[in-house]
Amino acid sequence: MRRFAICPNFGALFALMIVTVCGPRFSEPIIRSPKGEEIMMKKLAVAIAIASIAATATVAFAGITPKTGINGSKHDINAVAGYDDDTLKRTCVFCHTPHNVTVQDLAPLWNRAASAKTAVDMPSYTWISPANAAIAFDADPLVGPSRLCMSCHDGVVAVDSHGGASPMLQATGTPMSGAAMISDLTITHPIGFKYADAVTERPGELVLPTVGFIATGVDSASTFDTNDRTGFTYTSKTIGDTLYGGNMTCASCHDVHNTINAEPDTAGAYNYFLYAKQEGSAICLSCHIK
């Protein structure tokens, strides 16, 4: 079920709009001419339209709250403006199907055309430090969940283009663009490398994969020590739980189903589906010892 949260002060907001559009004397029991009543009714209609837009905006953003599930989130294409939605308002069908999967070797039950990007047209991040040379990259830089993510985020496959299991959904909409599009792995956080190799080659710089994500707040005035890792509490989900065959992928930082991701402390902050908060760089410090 889609989660909606109407603003608790919507009644006051509506009243304010009535007064703003119709005038402060709208509620006074005065006698009006037919023409005056017609004008007032038009003003009232405008006020109601504005209030409806405000209510719609409140509803549209309600599902972005972390830990509220996939319905209504940015990964529920029905709730994202600019793309064709499903006629039955199904959420899972944009990525999954119980029958006739599109790509058999990309679990689970994938219902999209996989990104055609290869190591040639999307090369891996290049290690700057010679000490990192021994950290092995997988032959496929988009190994595991990363390739599934790129079936939307590569900027080539249309976001609302679905697999053959749902022929009524063969939309050919607009591909991903802007900051959400990933077209060059050389300028983003490296993925597709063996995390255990990185721990070995950079001793004292990365936590073991058995460590969870930082669950407590981090700030400059806190007593937490990000270097010796004291004072923190951690999530039960560990770094290792998010690796694919030992490789770091997009899903090593992002909880794509919006189920156990961290809720930002900052009101109105964008939900990036992260396992730890951005405040105090908790998501970065969950792996990096600094």
C-alpha atoms as a PDB file:
ATOM      1  CA  MET A   1       0.000   0.000   0.000  1.00  0.00           C
ATOM      2  CA  ARG A   2       1.277   3.443  -0.924  1.00  0.00           C
ATOM      3  CA  ARG A   3       2.175   5.508   2.113  1.00  0.00           C
ATOM      4  CA  PHE A   4       0.765   9.001   2.248  1.00  0.00           C
ATOM      5  CA  ALA A   5       1.245  11.696   4.833  1.00  0.00           C
ATOM      6  CA  ILE A   6      -0.919  14.769   4.558  1.00  0.00           C
ATOM      7  CA  CYS A   7       0.510  17.861   6.191  1.00  0.00           C
ATOM      8  CA  PRO A   8      -1.014  18.134   9.733  1.00  0.00           C
ATOM      9  CA  ASN A   9      -1.417  21.870   9.260  1.00  0.00           C
ATOM     10  CA  PHE A  10      -3.165  21.565   5.917  1.00  0.00           C
ATOM     11  CA  GLY A  11      -6.390  23.045   7.311  1.00  0.00           C
ATOM     12  CA  ALA A  12      -4.568  26.158   8.430  1.00  0.00           C
ATOM     13  CA  LEU A  13      -2.737  26.294   5.103  1.00  0.00           C
ATOM     14  CA  PHE A  14      -6.034  26.107   3.211  1.00  0.00           C
ATOM     15  CA  ALA A  15      -7.543  28.877   5.352  1.00  0.00           C
ATOM     16  CA  LEU A  16      -4.513  31.057   4.707  1.00  0.00           C
ATOM     17  CA  MET A  17      -4.872  30.530   0.956  1.00  0.00           C
ATOM     18  CA  ILE A  18      -8.573  31.456   1.110  1.00  0.00           C
ATOM     19  CA  VAL A  19      -7.767  34.715   2.862  1.00  0.00           C
ATOM     20  CA  THR A  20      -4.832  35.431   0.541  1.00  0.00           C
ATOM     21  CA  VAL A  21      -6.780  34.895  -2.674  1.00  0.00           C
ATOM     22  CA  CYS A  22     -10.301  35.968  -1.668  1.00  0.00           C
ATOM     23  CA  GLY A  23      -9.487  38.688   0.814  1.00  0.00           C
ATOM     24  CA  PRO A  24      -9.727  38.940   4.614  1.00  0.00           C
ATOM     25  CA  ARG A  25     -13.461  39.756   4.474  1.00  0.00           C
ATOM     26  CA  PHE A  26     -14.399  36.535   2.690  1.00  0.00           C
ATOM     27  CA  SER A  27     -16.072  35.009   5.767  1.00  0.00           C
ATOM     28  CA  GLU A  28     -18.073  38.111   6.697  1.00  0.00           C
ATOM     29  CA  PRO A  29     -21.890  37.724   6.256  1.00  0.00           C
ATOM     30  CA  ILE A  30     -22.337  40.573   3.841  1.00  0.00           C
ATOM     31  CA  ILE A  31     -24.851  40.879   0.984  1.00  0.00           C
ATOM     32  CA  ARG A  32     -23.289  40.649  -2.458  1.00  0.00           C
ATOM     33  CA  SER A  33     -24.610  41.361  -5.922  1.00  0.00           C
ATOM     34  CA  PRO A  34     -24.799  38.459  -8.401  1.00  0.00           C
ATOM     35  CA  LYS A  35     -21.717  39.817 -10.165  1.00  0.00           C
ATOM     36  CA  GLY A  36     -19.851  40.093  -6.890  1.00  0.00           C
ATOM     37  CA  GLU A  37     -20.779  36.525  -5.983  1.00  0.00           C
ATOM     38  CA  GLU A  38     -19.521  35.327  -9.368  1.00  0.00           C
ATOM     39  CA  ILE A  39     -16.179  37.027  -8.791  1.00  0.00           C
ATOM     40  CA  MET A  40     -15.954  35.580  -5.302  1.00  0.00           C
ATOM     41  CA  MET A  41     -16.697  32.070  -6.576  1.00  0.00           C
ATOM     42  CA  LYS A  42     -13.896  32.390  -9.128  1.00  0.00           C
ATOM     43  CA  LYS A  43     -11.506  33.469  -6.386  1.00  0.00           C
ATOM     44  CA  LEU A  44     -12.616  30.546  -4.245  1.00  0.00           C
ATOM     45  CA  ALA A  45     -11.991  28.147  -7.134  1.00  0.00           C
ATOM     46  CA  VAL A  46      -8.455  29.511  -7.498  1.00  0.00           C
ATOM     47  CA  ALA A  47      -7.828  29.078  -3.771  1.00  0.00           C
ATOM     48  CA  ILE A  48      -9.048  25.479  -3.864  1.00  0.00           C
ATOM     49  CA  ALA A  49      -6.834  24.728  -6.882  1.00  0.00           C
ATOM     50  CA  ILE A  50      -3.768  26.124  -5.121  1.00  0.00           C
ATOM     51  CA  ALA A  51      -4.560  24.171  -1.967  1.00  0.00           C
ATOM     52  CA  SER A  52      -4.947  20.987  -4.017  1.00  0.00           C
ATOM     53  CA  ILE A  53      -1.520  21.484  -5.547  1.00  0.00           C
ATOM     54  CA  ALA A  54      -0.024  21.965  -2.092  1.00  0.00           C
ATOM     55  CA  ALA A  55      -1.691  18.784  -0.861  1.00  0.00           C
ATOM     56  CA  THR A  56      -0.466  16.851  -3.885  1.00  0.00           C
ATOM     57  CA  ALA A  57       3.099  18.033  -3.309  1.00  0.00           C
ATOM     58  CA  THR A  58       2.904  16.939   0.308  1.00  0.00           C
ATOM     59  CA  VAL A  59       1.671  13.495  -0.699  1.00  0.00           C
ATOM     60  CA  ALA A  60       4.204  13.068  -3.505  1.00  0.00           C
ATOM     61  CA  PHE A  61       7.189  13.531  -1.241  1.00  0.00           C
ATOM     62  CA  ALA A  62       5.865  11.506   1.696  1.00  0.00           C
ATOM     63  CA  GLY A  63       7.116   8.175   0.356  1.00  0.00           C
ATOM     64  CA  ILE A  64      10.713   9.360   0.151  1.00  0.00           C
ATOM     65  CA  THR A  65      11.103   9.003   3.922  1.00  0.00           C
ATOM     66  CA  PRO A  66      13.795   6.367   4.656  1.00  0.00           C
ATOM     67  CA  LYS A  67      12.686   2.958   5.925  1.00  0.00           C
ATOM     68  CA  THR A  68       9.157   3.380   4.504  1.00  0.00           C
ATOM     69  CA  GLY A  69       9.580   0.799   1.750  1.00  0.00           C
ATOM     70  CA  ILE A  70       9.688   0.881  -2.017  1.00  0.00           C
ATOM     71  CA  ASN A  71       6.141   2.181  -2.608  1.00  0.00           C
ATOM     72  CA  GLY A  72       6.191   5.919  -3.150  1.00  0.00           C
ATOM     73  CA  SER A  73       9.999   6.093  -3.149  1.00  0.00           C
ATOM     74  CA  LYS A  74      12.170   7.313  -6.011  1.00  0.00           C
ATOM     75  CA  HIS A  75      12.421   3.686  -7.147  1.00  0.00           C
ATOM     76  CA  ASP A  76       8.646   3.473  -7.529  1.00  0.00           C
ATOM     77  CA  ILE A  77       8.355   4.804 -11.077  1.00  0.00           C
ATOM     78  CA  ASN A  78       4.615   5.329 -10.575  1.00  0.00           C
ATOM     79  CA  ALA A  79       5.522   8.128  -8.180  1.00  0.00           C
ATOM     80  CA  VAL A  80       8.208   9.767 -10.335  1.00  0.00           C
ATOM     81  CA  ALA A  81       7.073  12.539 -12.652  1.00  0.00           C
ATOM     82  CA  GLY A  82       8.107  12.414 -16.295  1.00  0.00           C
ATOM     83  CA  TYR A  83       7.942   8.646 -16.814  1.00  0.00           C
ATOM     84  CA  ASP A  84       5.144   6.290 -17.858  1.00  0.00           C
ATOM     85  CA  ASP A  85       3.611   4.500 -14.884  1.00  0.00           C
ATOM     86  CA  ASP A  86       2.132   1.017 -14.719  1.00  0.00           C
ATOM     87  CA  THR A  87      -1.557   0.703 -15.621  1.00  0.00           C
ATOM     88  CA  LEU A  88      -2.139  -1.322 -12.439  1.00  0.00           C
ATOM     89  CA  LYS A  89       0.138   0.908 -10.356  1.00  0.00           C
ATOM     90  CA  ARG A  90       2.404  -2.035  -9.563  1.00  0.00           C
ATOM     91  CA  THR A  91       5.769  -1.133  -8.084  1.00  0.00           C
ATOM     92  CA  CYS A  92       7.919  -4.263  -8.402  1.00  0.00           C
ATOM     93  CA  VAL A  93       7.176  -4.803 -12.102  1.00  0.00           C
ATOM     94  CA  PHE A  94       9.490  -1.980 -13.138  1.00  0.00           C
ATOM     95  CA  CYS A  95      12.447  -4.182 -12.190  1.00  0.00           C
ATOM     96  CA  HIS A  96      11.137  -7.686 -11.466  1.00  0.00           C
ATOM     97  CA  THR A  97       8.759 -10.283 -12.877  1.00  0.00           C
ATOM     98  CA  PRO A  98       7.737 -13.704 -11.522  1.00  0.00           C
ATOM     99  CA  HIS A  99       7.868 -15.251 -15.010  1.00  0.00           C
ATOM    100  CA  ASN A 100       9.836 -14.963 -18.256  1.00  0.00           C
ATOM    101  CA  VAL A 101      12.762 -12.944 -16.996  1.00  0.00           C
ATOM    102  CA  THR A 102      14.637 -10.782 -19.479  1.00  0.00           C
ATOM    103  CA  VAL A 103      18.185 -11.603 -18.383  1.00  0.00           C
ATOM    104  CA  GLN A 104      18.540 -15.026 -16.793  1.00  0.00           C
ATOM    105  CA  ASP A 105      22.018 -14.588 -15.351  1.00  0.00           C
ATOM    106  CA  LEU A 106      21.138 -11.412 -13.487  1.00  0.00           C
ATOM    107  CA  ALA A 107      19.111 -12.342 -10.439  1.00  0.00           C
ATOM    108  CA  PRO A 108      16.567 -11.763  -9.086  1.00  0.00           C
ATOM    109  CA  LEU A 109      13.878 -12.234 -11.768  1.00  0.00           C
ATOM    110  CA  TRP A 110      14.981  -9.198 -13.728  1.00  0.00           C
ATOM    111  CA  ASN A 111      12.428  -7.496 -15.981  1.00  0.00           C
ATOM    112  CA  ARG A 112      14.569  -4.890 -17.689  1.00  0.00           C
ATOM    113  CA  ALA A 113      17.075  -4.841 -20.498  1.00  0.00           C
ATOM    114  CA  ALA A 114      20.486  -4.954 -18.848  1.00  0.00           C
ATOM    115  CA  SER A 115      22.881  -2.119 -19.478  1.00  0.00           C
ATOM    116  CA  ALA A 116      25.111  -2.840 -22.455  1.00  0.00           C
ATOM    117  CA  LYS A 117      27.990  -0.891 -20.939  1.00  0.00           C
ATOM    118  CA  THR A 118      31.271  -2.834 -20.921  1.00  0.00           C
ATOM    119  CA  ALA A 119      34.740  -2.377 -19.475  1.00  0.00           C
ATOM    120  CA  VAL A 120      35.653  -0.710 -22.765  1.00  0.00           C
ATOM    121  CA  ASP A 121      33.056   2.070 -22.807  1.00  0.00           C
ATOM    122  CA  MET A 122      32.826   2.327 -19.002  1.00  0.00           C
ATOM    123  CA  PRO A 123      36.345   1.676 -17.656  1.00  0.00           C
ATOM    124  CA  SER A 124      36.948   1.172 -13.952  1.00  0.00           C
ATOM    125  CA  TYR A 125      38.299   3.748 -11.561  1.00  0.00           C
ATOM    126  CA  THR A 126      42.070   4.152 -11.883  1.00  0.00           C
ATOM    127  CA  TRP A 127      44.045   3.830  -8.657  1.00  0.00           C
ATOM    128  CA  ILE A 128      46.271   6.867  -8.170  1.00  0.00           C
ATOM    129  CA  SER A 129      48.429   5.403  -5.416  1.00  0.00           C
ATOM    130  CA  PRO A 130      50.848   2.621  -6.458  1.00  0.00           C
ATOM    131  CA  ALA A 131      50.019   0.931  -3.146  1.00  0.00           C
ATOM    132  CA  ASN A 132      46.575   0.177  -4.515  1.00  0.00           C
ATOM    133  CA  ALA A 133      47.829  -1.610  -7.612  1.00  0.00           C
ATOM    134  CA  ALA A 134      47.332  -5.036  -6.028  1.00  0.00           C
ATOM    135  CA  ILE A 135      43.658  -4.363  -5.314  1.00  0.00           C
ATOM    136  CA  ALA A 136      41.959  -6.500  -7.924  1.00  0.00           C
ATOM    137  CA  PHE A 137      39.047  -5.330 -10.030  1.00  0.00           C
ATOM    138  CA  ASP A 138      36.537  -7.797 -11.395  1.00  0.00           C
ATOM    139  CA  ALA A 139      36.677  -8.308 -15.153  1.00  0.00           C
ATOM    140  CA  ASP A 140      33.220  -6.726 -15.229  1.00  0.00           C
ATOM    141  CA  PRO A 141      33.328  -3.289 -13.564  1.00  0.00           C
ATOM    142  CA  LEU A 142      29.536  -3.480 -13.214  1.00  0.00           C
ATOM    143  CA  VAL A 143      29.549  -6.875 -11.532  1.00  0.00           C
ATOM    144  CA  GLY A 144      26.408  -7.966  -9.689  1.00  0.00           C
ATOM    145  CA  PRO A 145      23.845  -5.358  -8.613  1.00  0.00           C
ATOM    146  CA  SER A 146      25.762  -2.533 -10.294  1.00  0.00           C
ATOM    147  CA  ARG A 147      24.745  -3.692 -13.765  1.00  0.00           C
ATOM    148  CA  LEU A 148      21.144  -3.881 -12.614  1.00  0.00           C
ATOM    149  CA  CYS A 149      21.374  -0.313 -11.334  1.00  0.00           C
ATOM    150  CA  MET A 150      22.813   0.789 -14.652  1.00  0.00           C
ATOM    151  CA  SER A 151      19.775  -0.512 -16.515  1.00  0.00           C
ATOM    152  CA  CYS A 152      18.308   2.832 -15.437  1.00  0.00           C
ATOM    153  CA  HIS A 153      21.243   4.943 -14.379  1.00  0.00           C
ATOM    154  CA  ASP A 154      23.500   4.529 -17.430  1.00  0.00           C
ATOM    155  CA  GLY A 155      21.608   7.218 -19.328  1.00  0.00           C
ATOM    156  CA  VAL A 156      20.999   4.864 -22.261  1.00  0.00           C
ATOM    157  CA  VAL A 157      18.132   2.526 -21.340  1.00  0.00           C
ATOM    158  CA  ALA A 158      14.883   4.423 -20.751  1.00  0.00           C
ATOM    159  CA  VAL A 159      13.834   4.418 -17.105  1.00  0.00           C
ATOM    160  CA  ASP A 160      10.304   3.322 -17.996  1.00  0.00           C
ATOM    161  CA  SER A 161      11.383   0.697 -20.532  1.00  0.00           C
ATOM    162  CA  HIS A 162      10.387  -2.717 -19.187  1.00  0.00           C
ATOM    163  CA  GLY A 163      11.085  -6.293 -20.104  1.00  0.00           C
ATOM    164  CA  GLY A 164       9.123  -8.623 -22.369  1.00  0.00           C
ATOM    165  CA  ALA A 165       7.239 -10.158 -19.438  1.00  0.00           C
ATOM    166  CA  SER A 166       4.985  -7.109 -19.413  1.00  0.00           C
ATOM    167  CA  PRO A 167       4.335  -6.222 -23.086  1.00  0.00           C
ATOM    168  CA  MET A 168       1.737  -3.615 -22.129  1.00  0.00           C
ATOM    169  CA  LEU A 169       4.519  -1.714 -20.446  1.00  0.00           C
ATOM    170  CA  GLN A 170       6.792  -1.303 -23.438  1.00  0.00           C
ATOM    171  CA  ALA A 171       7.418   2.359 -22.845  1.00  0.00           C
ATOM    172  CA  THR A 172      10.187   4.206 -24.611  1.00  0.00           C
ATOM    173  CA  GLY A 173      10.492   7.190 -22.363  1.00  0.00           C
ATOM    174  CA  THR A 174      13.394   9.414 -21.462  1.00  0.00           C
ATOM    175  CA  PRO A 175      16.659   7.880 -20.231  1.00  0.00           C
ATOM    176  CA  MET A 176      18.202   8.983 -16.959  1.00  0.00           C
ATOM    177  CA  SER A 177      19.983  12.334 -17.033  1.00  0.00           C
ATOM    178  CA  GLY A 178      21.645  14.824 -14.749  1.00  0.00           C
ATOM    179  CA  ALA A 179      23.338  13.905 -11.477  1.00  0.00           C
ATOM    180  CA  ALA A 180      21.478  10.572 -11.307  1.00  0.00           C
ATOM    181  CA  MET A 181      23.175   9.363 -14.504  1.00  0.00           C
ATOM    182  CA  ILE A 182      26.450   7.448 -14.158  1.00  0.00           C
ATOM    183  CA  SER A 183      28.360   7.302 -17.429  1.00  0.00           C
ATOM    184  CA  ASP A 184      31.993   7.339 -16.294  1.00  0.00           C
ATOM    185  CA  LEU A 185      33.275   5.086 -13.501  1.00  0.00           C
ATOM    186  CA  THR A 186      36.667   6.792 -13.520  1.00  0.00           C
ATOM    187  CA  ILE A 187      35.239   9.850 -11.769  1.00  0.00           C
ATOM    188  CA  THR A 188      33.069   8.144  -9.162  1.00  0.00           C
ATOM    189  CA  HIS A 189      33.766   6.035  -6.071  1.00  0.00           C
ATOM    190  CA  PRO A 190      35.395   2.807  -7.280  1.00  0.00           C
ATOM    191  CA  ILE A 191      33.181  -0.270  -7.544  1.00  0.00           C
ATOM    192  CA  GLY A 192      33.850  -3.778  -8.787  1.00  0.00           C
ATOM    193  CA  PHE A 193      36.962  -4.302  -6.637  1.00  0.00           C
ATOM    194  CA  LYS A 194      37.644  -6.887  -3.937  1.00  0.00           C
ATOM    195  CA  TYR A 195      37.039  -5.213  -0.581  1.00  0.00           C
ATOM    196  CA  ALA A 196      39.217  -7.768   1.242  1.00  0.00           C
ATOM    197  CA  ASP A 197      42.127  -6.885  -1.053  1.00  0.00           C
ATOM    198  CA  ALA A 198      41.682  -3.220  -0.205  1.00  0.00           C
ATOM    199  CA  VAL A 199      41.712  -3.993   3.537  1.00  0.00           C
ATOM    200  CA  THR A 200      44.922  -5.994   3.101  1.00  0.00           C
ATOM    201  CA  GLU A 201      46.710  -3.469   0.909  1.00  0.00           C
ATOM    202  CA  ARG A 202      45.635  -0.436   2.966  1.00  0.00           C
ATOM    203  CA  PRO A 203      46.089  -1.657   6.567  1.00  0.00           C
ATOM    204  CA  GLY A 204      44.586   0.596   9.196  1.00  0.00           C
ATOM    205  CA  GLU A 205      42.615   2.569   6.613  1.00  0.00           C
ATOM    206  CA  LEU A 206      39.534   0.396   6.127  1.00  0.00           C
ATOM    207  CA  VAL A 207      37.382  -1.505   8.612  1.00  0.00           C
ATOM    208  CA  LEU A 208      36.993  -5.262   8.362  1.00  0.00           C
ATOM    209  CA  PRO A 209      33.985  -6.476   6.375  1.00  0.00           C
ATOM    210  CA  THR A 210      32.535  -7.896   9.601  1.00  0.00           C
ATOM    211  CA  VAL A 211      31.919  -4.356  10.925  1.00  0.00           C
ATOM    212  CA  GLY A 212      28.483  -2.762  10.568  1.00  0.00           C
ATOM    213  CA  PHE A 213      27.581   0.709   9.338  1.00  0.00           C
ATOM    214  CA  ILE A 214      27.794   3.606  11.790  1.00  0.00           C
ATOM    215  CA  ALA A 215      24.374   4.033  13.381  1.00  0.00           C
ATOM    216  CA  THR A 216      25.152   6.935  15.714  1.00  0.00           C
ATOM    217  CA  GLY A 217      25.537  10.583  14.820  1.00  0.00           C
ATOM    218  CA  VAL A 218      28.937  12.007  13.993  1.00  0.00           C
ATOM    219  CA  ASP A 219      29.810  15.659  14.457  1.00  0.00           C
ATOM    220  CA  SER A 220      32.827  17.817  15.251  1.00  0.00           C
ATOM    221  CA  ALA A 221      31.671  18.387  18.836  1.00  0.00           C
ATOM    222  CA  SER A 222      31.032  14.713  19.608  1.00  0.00           C
ATOM    223  CA  THR A 223      33.102  12.406  21.775  1.00  0.00           C
ATOM    224  CA  PHE A 224      33.246   9.803  19.040  1.00  0.00           C
ATOM    225  CA  ASP A 225      36.712   8.946  17.780  1.00  0.00           C
ATOM    226  CA  THR A 226      36.609   8.124  14.088  1.00  0.00           C
ATOM    227  CA  ASN A 227      40.253   7.057  14.118  1.00  0.00           C
ATOM    228  CA  ASP A 228      40.242   4.403  16.851  1.00  0.00           C
ATOM    229  CA  ARG A 229      36.525   3.709  16.282  1.00  0.00           C
ATOM    230  CA  THR A 230      35.387   4.293  19.873  1.00  0.00           C
ATOM    231  CA  GLY A 231      31.984   5.516  21.006  1.00  0.00           C
ATOM    232  CA  PHE A 232      30.020   4.284  18.013  1.00  0.00           C
ATOM    233  CA  THR A 233      27.111   1.918  17.704  1.00  0.00           C
ATOM    234  CA  TYR A 234      26.775  -0.064  14.491  1.00  0.00           C
ATOM    235  CA  THR A 235      24.009  -1.560  12.405  1.00  0.00           C
ATOM    236  CA  SER A 236      23.498  -5.321  12.408  1.00  0.00           C
ATOM    237  CA  LYS A 237      23.989  -5.263   8.637  1.00  0.00           C
ATOM    238  CA  THR A 238      27.732  -5.465   8.029  1.00  0.00           C
ATOM    239  CA  ILE A 239      29.899  -4.170   5.217  1.00  0.00           C
ATOM    240  CA  GLY A 240      30.412  -7.766   4.116  1.00  0.00           C
ATOM    241  CA  ASP A 241      26.667  -8.317   3.855  1.00  0.00           C
ATOM    242  CA  THR A 242      26.513  -5.727   1.082  1.00  0.00           C
ATOM    243  CA  LEU A 243      29.365  -7.144  -1.025  1.00  0.00           C
ATOM    244  CA  TYR A 244      28.724  -9.248  -4.132  1.00  0.00           C
ATOM    245  CA  GLY A 245      31.203 -12.108  -4.375  1.00  0.00           C
ATOM    246  CA  GLY A 246      33.467  -9.970  -2.214  1.00  0.00           C
ATOM    247  CA  ASN A 247      33.177  -7.029  -4.621  1.00  0.00           C
ATOM    248  CA  MET A 248      31.984  -3.562  -3.755  1.00  0.00           C
ATOM    249  CA  THR A 249      28.996  -2.549  -5.864  1.00  0.00           C
ATOM    250  CA  CYS A 250      26.418   0.228  -5.952  1.00  0.00           C
ATOM    251  CA  ALA A 251      24.366  -1.791  -3.449  1.00  0.00           C
ATOM    252  CA  SER A 252      27.239  -1.720  -0.957  1.00  0.00           C
ATOM    253  CA  CYS A 253      26.203   1.821  -0.031  1.00  0.00           C
ATOM    254  CA  HIS A 254      22.628   2.083  -1.288  1.00  0.00           C
ATOM    255  CA  ASP A 255      19.575   0.208   0.006  1.00  0.00           C
ATOM    256  CA  VAL A 256      17.586   0.264  -3.221  1.00  0.00           C
ATOM    257  CA  HIS A 257      14.315  -0.883  -1.616  1.00  0.00           C
ATOM    258  CA  ASN A 258      14.258   1.901   0.987  1.00  0.00           C
ATOM    259  CA  THR A 259      13.838  -0.547   3.885  1.00  0.00           C
ATOM    260  CA  ILE A 260      16.757  -0.278   6.319  1.00  0.00           C
ATOM    261  CA  ASN A 261      18.510   2.833   5.061  1.00  0.00           C
ATOM    262  CA  ALA A 262      19.441   5.666   7.400  1.00  0.00           C
ATOM    263  CA  GLU A 263      17.181   8.623   8.058  1.00  0.00           C
ATOM    264  CA  PRO A 264      18.952  12.010   7.747  1.00  0.00           C
ATOM    265  CA  ASP A 265      19.049  14.315  10.759  1.00  0.00           C
ATOM    266  CA  THR A 266      18.577  17.328   8.500  1.00  0.00           C
ATOM    267  CA  ALA A 267      14.923  18.061   7.795  1.00  0.00           C
ATOM    268  CA  GLY A 268      14.086  17.829   4.101  1.00  0.00           C
ATOM    269  CA  ALA A 269      17.411  16.209   3.176  1.00  0.00           C
ATOM    270  CA  TYR A 270      17.286  14.083   0.026  1.00  0.00           C
ATOM    271  CA  ASN A 271      16.997  10.341   0.543  1.00  0.00           C
ATOM    272  CA  TYR A 272      19.867   8.653  -1.310  1.00  0.00           C
ATOM    273  CA  PHE A 273      18.965   5.206   0.102  1.00  0.00           C
ATOM    274  CA  LEU A 274      22.225   5.149   2.092  1.00  0.00           C
ATOM    275  CA  TYR A 275      22.940   2.614   4.844  1.00  0.00           C
ATOM    276  CA  ALA A 276      24.410   5.355   7.047  1.00  0.00           C
ATOM    277  CA  LYS A 277      23.755   9.067   7.382  1.00  0.00           C
ATOM    278  CA  GLN A 278      25.531  11.745   5.386  1.00  0.00           C
ATOM    279  CA  GLU A 279      25.703  13.997   8.452  1.00  0.00           C
ATOM    280  CA  GLY A 280      29.236  13.919   9.784  1.00  0.00           C
ATOM    281  CA  SER A 281      30.143  11.718   6.796  1.00  0.00           C
ATOM    282  CA  ALA A 282      28.906   8.645   8.684  1.00  0.00           C
ATOM    283  CA  ILE A 283      28.432   6.761   5.406  1.00  0.00           C
ATOM    284  CA  CYS A 284      32.060   7.370   4.414  1.00  0.00           C
ATOM    285  CA  LEU A 285      33.463   6.688   7.889  1.00  0.00           C
ATOM    286  CA  SER A 286      31.591   3.397   8.071  1.00  0.00           C
ATOM    287  CA  CYS A 287      34.357   1.952   5.870  1.00  0.00           C
ATOM    288  CA  HIS A 288      37.145   4.514   5.968  1.00  0.00           C
ATOM    289  CA  ILE A 289      39.196   4.977   9.144  1.00  0.00           C
ATOM    290  CA  LYS A 290      40.076   8.658   9.280  1.00  0.00           C
END
